[in-house]
Amino acid sequence: MKELIETIVKPLVDHPEAVSVDVQETDTAIAYKLSVHPDDMGKVIGKQGRVAKAIRTVSFAGESGQKKKTVIEIVDK
């Protein structure tokens, strides 16, 4: 899943080398922290959050077999 998120985000940003995904897993949830360059935050979030929502939708579809809650957080470095 980490690779899928990176594959989706890197073509969208001006600084693909700054893209990283950290995974934190608990008993009930998996949290993916997507870190991008501060200049690229708007591109990853998109107008009214449409790009972020699309990233989450594709990622959740890939995780459909999991019984844990999946969360994607977008943060700057």
C-alpha atoms as a PDB file:
ATOM      1  CA  MET A   1       0.000   0.000   0.000  1.00  0.00           C
ATOM      2  CA  LYS A   2       2.891   2.339   0.805  1.00  0.00           C
ATOM      3  CA  GLU A   3       4.232   1.922  -2.735  1.00  0.00           C
ATOM      4  CA  LEU A   4       0.777   2.545  -4.225  1.00  0.00           C
ATOM      5  CA  ILE A   5       0.436   5.868  -2.406  1.00  0.00           C
ATOM      6  CA  GLU A   6       3.924   6.952  -3.505  1.00  0.00           C
ATOM      7  CA  THR A   7       3.183   5.926  -7.106  1.00  0.00           C
ATOM      8  CA  ILE A   8       0.021   8.038  -7.137  1.00  0.00           C
ATOM      9  CA  VAL A   9       1.532  11.130  -5.493  1.00  0.00           C
ATOM     10  CA  LYS A  10       5.005  11.456  -7.078  1.00  0.00           C
ATOM     11  CA  PRO A  11       3.780  12.447 -10.582  1.00  0.00           C
ATOM     12  CA  LEU A  12       1.555  15.147  -9.052  1.00  0.00           C
ATOM     13  CA  VAL A  13       4.267  17.105  -7.222  1.00  0.00           C
ATOM     14  CA  ASP A  14       7.223  19.318  -8.178  1.00  0.00           C
ATOM     15  CA  HIS A  15       9.507  17.716  -5.566  1.00  0.00           C
ATOM     16  CA  PRO A  16       9.030  13.919  -5.897  1.00  0.00           C
ATOM     17  CA  GLU A  17      12.201  13.259  -3.918  1.00  0.00           C
ATOM     18  CA  ALA A  18      10.507  14.764  -0.848  1.00  0.00           C
ATOM     19  CA  VAL A  19       7.582  12.321  -0.934  1.00  0.00           C
ATOM     20  CA  SER A  20       7.634   9.681   1.782  1.00  0.00           C
ATOM     21  CA  VAL A  21       5.084   7.454   3.461  1.00  0.00           C
ATOM     22  CA  ASP A  22       5.414   6.259   7.050  1.00  0.00           C
ATOM     23  CA  VAL A  23       3.244   3.405   8.300  1.00  0.00           C
ATOM     24  CA  GLN A  24       1.974   3.085  11.865  1.00  0.00           C
ATOM     25  CA  GLU A  25      -0.053  -0.006  12.659  1.00  0.00           C
ATOM     26  CA  THR A  26      -2.102  -0.767  15.766  1.00  0.00           C
ATOM     27  CA  ASP A  27      -4.503  -3.585  16.614  1.00  0.00           C
ATOM     28  CA  THR A  28      -7.468  -1.744  15.088  1.00  0.00           C
ATOM     29  CA  ALA A  29      -6.026   0.663  12.486  1.00  0.00           C
ATOM     30  CA  ILE A  30      -3.306   1.303   9.943  1.00  0.00           C
ATOM     31  CA  ALA A  31      -2.186   4.939   9.593  1.00  0.00           C
ATOM     32  CA  TYR A  32      -0.218   6.114   6.565  1.00  0.00           C
ATOM     33  CA  LYS A  33       1.494   9.485   7.003  1.00  0.00           C
ATOM     34  CA  LEU A  34       2.170  11.021   3.612  1.00  0.00           C
ATOM     35  CA  SER A  35       4.911  13.647   3.839  1.00  0.00           C
ATOM     36  CA  VAL A  36       5.414  16.097   0.978  1.00  0.00           C
ATOM     37  CA  HIS A  37       7.372  19.296   0.383  1.00  0.00           C
ATOM     38  CA  PRO A  38       5.499  22.356   1.750  1.00  0.00           C
ATOM     39  CA  ASP A  39       5.233  23.825  -1.771  1.00  0.00           C
ATOM     40  CA  ASP A  40       3.398  20.685  -2.933  1.00  0.00           C
ATOM     41  CA  MET A  41       0.718  20.565  -0.231  1.00  0.00           C
ATOM     42  CA  GLY A  42      -1.852  22.329  -2.414  1.00  0.00           C
ATOM     43  CA  LYS A  43      -1.245  19.958  -5.310  1.00  0.00           C
ATOM     44  CA  VAL A  44      -1.714  16.881  -3.141  1.00  0.00           C
ATOM     45  CA  ILE A  45      -4.820  18.213  -1.408  1.00  0.00           C
ATOM     46  CA  GLY A  46      -6.381  19.790  -4.519  1.00  0.00           C
ATOM     47  CA  LYS A  47      -9.345  22.127  -4.792  1.00  0.00           C
ATOM     48  CA  GLN A  48     -11.760  21.414  -1.951  1.00  0.00           C
ATOM     49  CA  GLY A  49      -9.749  18.281  -1.110  1.00  0.00           C
ATOM     50  CA  ARG A  50     -10.676  16.447  -4.308  1.00  0.00           C
ATOM     51  CA  VAL A  51      -7.198  15.045  -5.016  1.00  0.00           C
ATOM     52  CA  ALA A  52      -6.736  13.916  -1.401  1.00  0.00           C
ATOM     53  CA  LYS A  53     -10.151  12.257  -1.490  1.00  0.00           C
ATOM     54  CA  ALA A  54      -9.254  10.461  -4.734  1.00  0.00           C
ATOM     55  CA  ILE A  55      -5.960   9.226  -3.234  1.00  0.00           C
ATOM     56  CA  ARG A  56      -7.831   7.919  -0.193  1.00  0.00           C
ATOM     57  CA  THR A  57     -10.494   6.241  -2.348  1.00  0.00           C
ATOM     58  CA  VAL A  58      -7.933   4.377  -4.465  1.00  0.00           C
ATOM     59  CA  SER A  59      -5.942   3.387  -1.391  1.00  0.00           C
ATOM     60  CA  PHE A  60      -9.003   2.119   0.463  1.00  0.00           C
ATOM     61  CA  ALA A  61      -9.986   0.031  -2.563  1.00  0.00           C
ATOM     62  CA  GLY A  62      -6.547  -1.583  -2.444  1.00  0.00           C
ATOM     63  CA  GLU A  63      -7.033  -2.350   1.251  1.00  0.00           C
ATOM     64  CA  SER A  64     -10.477  -3.903   0.840  1.00  0.00           C
ATOM     65  CA  GLY A  65      -9.336  -7.227   2.338  1.00  0.00           C
ATOM     66  CA  GLN A  66      -8.184  -5.629   5.593  1.00  0.00           C
ATOM     67  CA  LYS A  67     -10.434  -5.628   8.623  1.00  0.00           C
ATOM     68  CA  LYS A  68      -8.552  -2.700  10.143  1.00  0.00           C
ATOM     69  CA  LYS A  69      -9.482   0.942   9.700  1.00  0.00           C
ATOM     70  CA  THR A  70      -7.188   2.702   7.217  1.00  0.00           C
ATOM     71  CA  VAL A  71      -6.232   6.357   7.685  1.00  0.00           C
ATOM     72  CA  ILE A  72      -4.129   8.553   5.383  1.00  0.00           C
ATOM     73  CA  GLU A  73      -2.748  11.789   6.820  1.00  0.00           C
ATOM     74  CA  ILE A  74      -1.056  14.397   4.625  1.00  0.00           C
ATOM     75  CA  VAL A  75       1.693  16.376   6.371  1.00  0.00           C
ATOM     76  CA  ASP A  76       4.496  18.659   5.204  1.00  0.00           C
ATOM     77  CA  LYS A  77       8.130  18.083   6.022  1.00  0.00           C
END
